[in-house]
């Protein structure tokens, strides 16, 4: 039977995962909320220009 407590003690995170995590967090990523806000602003600008 697997002893999960023992397995957790042996666990060491992969350096590749830590490197990827840093790269992801250090980027300014656009999410869906940002896209929707941009679309609404552009739509309002077009309406006010007409």
PDB file of N, CA and C in Angstrom:
ATOM      1  N   UNK A   1       0.847  -1.171   0.000  1.00  0.00           N
ATOM      2  CA  UNK A   1       0.000   0.000   0.000  1.00  0.00           C
ATOM      3  C   UNK A   1       0.901   1.246   0.000  1.00  0.00           C
ATOM      4  N   UNK A   2       0.441   2.281  -0.672  1.00  0.00           N
ATOM      5  CA  UNK A   2       1.221   3.518  -0.768  1.00  0.00           C
ATOM      6  C   UNK A   2       1.036   4.348   0.493  1.00  0.00           C
ATOM      7  N   UNK A   3       2.165   4.756   1.061  1.00  0.00           N
ATOM      8  CA  UNK A   3       2.127   5.630   2.221  1.00  0.00           C
ATOM      9  C   UNK A   3       2.296   7.063   1.703  1.00  0.00           C
ATOM     10  N   UNK A   4       1.180   7.770   1.626  1.00  0.00           N
ATOM     11  CA  UNK A   4       1.206   9.099   1.037  1.00  0.00           C
ATOM     12  C   UNK A   4       2.057  10.084   1.832  1.00  0.00           C
ATOM     13  N   UNK A   5       2.090   9.967   3.113  1.00  0.00           N
ATOM     14  CA  UNK A   5       2.914  10.869   3.930  1.00  0.00           C
ATOM     15  C   UNK A   5       4.391  10.710   3.577  1.00  0.00           C
ATOM     16  N   UNK A   6       4.836   9.475   3.406  1.00  0.00           N
ATOM     17  CA  UNK A   6       6.233   9.223   3.030  1.00  0.00           C
ATOM     18  C   UNK A   6       6.524   9.752   1.625  1.00  0.00           C
ATOM     19  N   UNK A   7       5.595   9.553   0.719  1.00  0.00           N
ATOM     20  CA  UNK A   7       5.784  10.026  -0.650  1.00  0.00           C
ATOM     21  C   UNK A   7       5.848  11.552  -0.694  1.00  0.00           C
ATOM     22  N   UNK A   8       5.035  12.221   0.101  1.00  0.00           N
ATOM     23  CA  UNK A   8       5.065  13.681   0.139  1.00  0.00           C
ATOM     24  C   UNK A   8       6.382  14.204   0.696  1.00  0.00           C
ATOM     25  N   UNK A   9       6.966  13.477   1.635  1.00  0.00           N
ATOM     26  CA  UNK A   9       8.261  13.889   2.188  1.00  0.00           C
ATOM     27  C   UNK A   9       9.354  13.811   1.127  1.00  0.00           C
ATOM     28  N   UNK A  10       9.235  12.866   0.186  1.00  0.00           N
ATOM     29  CA  UNK A  10      10.231  12.675  -0.867  1.00  0.00           C
ATOM     30  C   UNK A  10      10.063  13.666  -2.020  1.00  0.00           C
ATOM     31  N   UNK A  11       8.921  14.329  -2.081  1.00  0.00           N
ATOM     32  CA  UNK A  11       8.602  15.186  -3.220  1.00  0.00           C
ATOM     33  C   UNK A  11       9.501  16.415  -3.285  1.00  0.00           C
ATOM     34  N   UNK A  12      10.038  16.684  -4.467  1.00  0.00           N
ATOM     35  CA  UNK A  12      10.799  17.897  -4.755  1.00  0.00           C
ATOM     36  C   UNK A  12      10.290  18.429  -6.087  1.00  0.00           C
ATOM     37  N   UNK A  13       9.850  19.683  -6.139  1.00  0.00           N
ATOM     38  CA  UNK A  13       9.326  20.215  -7.398  1.00  0.00           C
ATOM     39  C   UNK A  13      10.393  20.258  -8.486  1.00  0.00           C
ATOM     40  N   UNK A  14       9.962  20.059  -9.690  1.00  0.00           N
ATOM     41  CA  UNK A  14      10.856  20.098 -10.836  1.00  0.00           C
ATOM     42  C   UNK A  14      11.317  21.531 -11.074  1.00  0.00           C
ATOM     43  N   UNK A  15      12.582  21.709 -11.414  1.00  0.00           N
ATOM     44  CA  UNK A  15      13.099  23.036 -11.717  1.00  0.00           C
ATOM     45  C   UNK A  15      12.427  23.602 -12.962  1.00  0.00           C
ATOM     46  N   UNK A  16      12.065  22.741 -13.908  1.00  0.00           N
ATOM     47  CA  UNK A  16      11.403  23.201 -15.122  1.00  0.00           C
ATOM     48  C   UNK A  16      10.067  23.848 -14.789  1.00  0.00           C
ATOM     49  N   UNK A  17       9.339  23.252 -13.846  1.00  0.00           N
ATOM     50  CA  UNK A  17       8.039  23.798 -13.459  1.00  0.00           C
ATOM     51  C   UNK A  17       8.222  25.148 -12.788  1.00  0.00           C
ATOM     52  N   UNK A  18       9.196  25.262 -11.903  1.00  0.00           N
ATOM     53  CA  UNK A  18       9.448  26.533 -11.230  1.00  0.00           C
ATOM     54  C   UNK A  18       9.851  27.608 -12.235  1.00  0.00           C
ATOM     55  N   UNK A  19      10.660  27.248 -13.210  1.00  0.00           N
ATOM     56  CA  UNK A  19      11.062  28.195 -14.244  1.00  0.00           C
ATOM     57  C   UNK A  19       9.873  28.657 -15.071  1.00  0.00           C
ATOM     58  N   UNK A  20       9.001  27.732 -15.411  1.00  0.00           N
ATOM     59  CA  UNK A  20       7.810  28.074 -16.184  1.00  0.00           C
ATOM     60  C   UNK A  20       6.895  28.982 -15.366  1.00  0.00           C
ATOM     61  N   UNK A  21       6.771  28.698 -14.093  1.00  0.00           N
ATOM     62  CA  UNK A  21       5.930  29.511 -13.219  1.00  0.00           C
ATOM     63  C   UNK A  21       6.430  30.952 -13.201  1.00  0.00           C
ATOM     64  N   UNK A  22       7.725  31.152 -13.067  1.00  0.00           N
ATOM     65  CA  UNK A  22       8.293  32.502 -13.062  1.00  0.00           C
ATOM     66  C   UNK A  22       8.026  33.206 -14.387  1.00  0.00           C
ATOM     67  N   UNK A  23       8.191  32.487 -15.481  1.00  0.00           N
ATOM     68  CA  UNK A  23       7.982  33.085 -16.798  1.00  0.00           C
ATOM     69  C   UNK A  23       6.523  33.507 -16.981  1.00  0.00           C
ATOM     70  N   UNK A  24       5.613  32.693 -16.501  1.00  0.00           N
ATOM     71  CA  UNK A  24       4.182  33.004 -16.646  1.00  0.00           C
ATOM     72  C   UNK A  24       3.811  34.195 -15.782  1.00  0.00           C
ATOM     73  N   UNK A  25       4.241  34.219 -14.547  1.00  0.00           N
ATOM     74  CA  UNK A  25       3.870  35.302 -13.649  1.00  0.00           C
ATOM     75  C   UNK A  25       4.512  36.629 -14.023  1.00  0.00           C
ATOM     76  N   UNK A  26       5.646  36.598 -14.706  1.00  0.00           N
ATOM     77  CA  UNK A  26       6.348  37.826 -15.054  1.00  0.00           C
ATOM     78  C   UNK A  26       5.852  38.442 -16.360  1.00  0.00           C
ATOM     79  N   UNK A  27       4.889  37.802 -17.034  1.00  0.00           N
ATOM     80  CA  UNK A  27       4.353  38.348 -18.274  1.00  0.00           C
ATOM     81  C   UNK A  27       3.036  39.064 -17.995  1.00  0.00           C
ATOM     82  N   UNK A  28       2.780  40.081 -18.777  1.00  0.00           N
ATOM     83  CA  UNK A  28       1.515  40.795 -18.680  1.00  0.00           C
ATOM     84  C   UNK A  28       0.561  40.138 -19.672  1.00  0.00           C
ATOM     85  N   UNK A  29      -0.199  39.164 -19.195  1.00  0.00           N
ATOM     86  CA  UNK A  29      -1.093  38.414 -20.067  1.00  0.00           C
ATOM     87  C   UNK A  29      -2.477  39.057 -20.093  1.00  0.00           C
ATOM     88  N   UNK A  30      -3.072  39.074 -21.267  1.00  0.00           N
ATOM     89  CA  UNK A  30      -4.418  39.607 -21.429  1.00  0.00           C
ATOM     90  C   UNK A  30      -5.410  38.469 -21.215  1.00  0.00           C
ATOM     91  N   UNK A  31      -6.399  38.706 -20.371  1.00  0.00           N
ATOM     92  CA  UNK A  31      -7.409  37.688 -20.161  1.00  0.00           C
ATOM     93  C   UNK A  31      -8.722  38.141 -20.790  1.00  0.00           C
ATOM     94  N   UNK A  32      -9.760  37.332 -20.679  1.00  0.00           N
ATOM     95  CA  UNK A  32     -11.042  37.630 -21.306  1.00  0.00           C
ATOM     96  C   UNK A  32     -11.640  38.930 -20.783  1.00  0.00           C
ATOM     97  N   UNK A  33     -11.495  39.210 -19.513  1.00  0.00           N
ATOM     98  CA  UNK A  33     -12.041  40.446 -18.951  1.00  0.00           C
ATOM     99  C   UNK A  33     -11.375  41.664 -19.603  1.00  0.00           C
ATOM    100  N   UNK A  34     -10.057  41.606 -19.795  1.00  0.00           N
ATOM    101  CA  UNK A  34      -9.345  42.702 -20.453  1.00  0.00           C
ATOM    102  C   UNK A  34      -9.846  42.901 -21.883  1.00  0.00           C
ATOM    103  N   UNK A  35     -10.078  41.786 -22.588  1.00  0.00           N
ATOM    104  CA  UNK A  35     -10.565  41.878 -23.961  1.00  0.00           C
ATOM    105  C   UNK A  35     -11.957  42.485 -24.020  1.00  0.00           C
ATOM    106  N   UNK A  36     -12.822  42.082 -23.101  1.00  0.00           N
ATOM    107  CA  UNK A  36     -14.179  42.631 -23.082  1.00  0.00           C
ATOM    108  C   UNK A  36     -14.173  44.127 -22.774  1.00  0.00           C
ATOM    109  N   UNK A  37     -13.367  44.559 -21.840  1.00  0.00           N
ATOM    110  CA  UNK A  37     -13.273  45.988 -21.511  1.00  0.00           C
ATOM    111  C   UNK A  37     -12.786  46.769 -22.726  1.00  0.00           C
ATOM    112  N   UNK A  38     -11.798  46.237 -23.419  1.00  0.00           N
ATOM    113  CA  UNK A  38     -11.279  46.902 -24.606  1.00  0.00           C
ATOM    114  C   UNK A  38     -12.345  47.010 -25.687  1.00  0.00           C
ATOM    115  N   UNK A  39     -13.094  45.932 -25.897  1.00  0.00           N
ATOM    116  CA  UNK A  39     -14.147  45.944 -26.914  1.00  0.00           C
ATOM    117  C   UNK A  39     -15.239  46.953 -26.569  1.00  0.00           C
ATOM    118  N   UNK A  40     -15.612  47.030 -25.308  1.00  0.00           N
ATOM    119  CA  UNK A  40     -16.644  47.976 -24.885  1.00  0.00           C
ATOM    120  C   UNK A  40     -16.160  49.411 -25.089  1.00  0.00           C
ATOM    121  N   UNK A  41     -14.918  49.696 -24.727  1.00  0.00           N
ATOM    122  CA  UNK A  41     -14.370  51.046 -24.907  1.00  0.00           C
ATOM    123  C   UNK A  41     -14.337  51.424 -26.380  1.00  0.00           C
ATOM    124  N   UNK A  42     -13.911  50.485 -27.239  1.00  0.00           N
ATOM    125  CA  UNK A  42     -13.860  50.765 -28.670  1.00  0.00           C
ATOM    126  C   UNK A  42     -15.260  51.003 -29.224  1.00  0.00           C
ATOM    127  N   UNK A  43     -16.215  50.233 -28.763  1.00  0.00           N
ATOM    128  CA  UNK A  43     -17.599  50.398 -29.204  1.00  0.00           C
ATOM    129  C   UNK A  43     -18.140  51.755 -28.781  1.00  0.00           C
ATOM    130  N   UNK A  44     -17.856  52.170 -27.557  1.00  0.00           N
ATOM    131  CA  UNK A  44     -18.312  53.471 -27.064  1.00  0.00           C
ATOM    132  C   UNK A  44     -17.659  54.606 -27.838  1.00  0.00           C
ATOM    133  N   UNK A  45     -16.387  54.455 -28.183  1.00  0.00           N
ATOM    134  CA  UNK A  45     -15.680  55.477 -28.954  1.00  0.00           C
ATOM    135  C   UNK A  45     -16.281  55.617 -30.348  1.00  0.00           C
ATOM    136  N   UNK A  46     -16.631  54.491 -30.961  1.00  0.00           N
ATOM    137  CA  UNK A  46     -17.233  54.527 -32.291  1.00  0.00           C
ATOM    138  C   UNK A  46     -18.609  55.188 -32.239  1.00  0.00           C
ATOM    139  N   UNK A  47     -19.389  54.895 -31.209  1.00  0.00           N
ATOM    140  CA  UNK A  47     -20.718  55.474 -31.073  1.00  0.00           C
ATOM    141  C   UNK A  47     -20.636  56.977 -30.842  1.00  0.00           C
ATOM    142  N   UNK A  48     -19.673  57.422 -30.073  1.00  0.00           N
ATOM    143  CA  UNK A  48     -19.556  58.858 -29.789  1.00  0.00           C
ATOM    144  C   UNK A  48     -19.012  59.611 -31.008  1.00  0.00           C
ATOM    145  N   UNK A  49     -18.288  58.936 -31.873  1.00  0.00           N
ATOM    146  CA  UNK A  49     -17.746  59.567 -33.071  1.00  0.00           C
ATOM    147  C   UNK A  49     -18.823  59.757 -34.135  1.00  0.00           C
ATOM    148  N   UNK A  50     -19.879  58.991 -34.062  1.00  0.00           N
ATOM    149  CA  UNK A  50     -20.946  59.074 -35.089  1.00  0.00           C
ATOM    150  C   UNK A  50     -21.890  60.167 -34.850  1.00  0.00           C
TER     151      UNK A  50
END
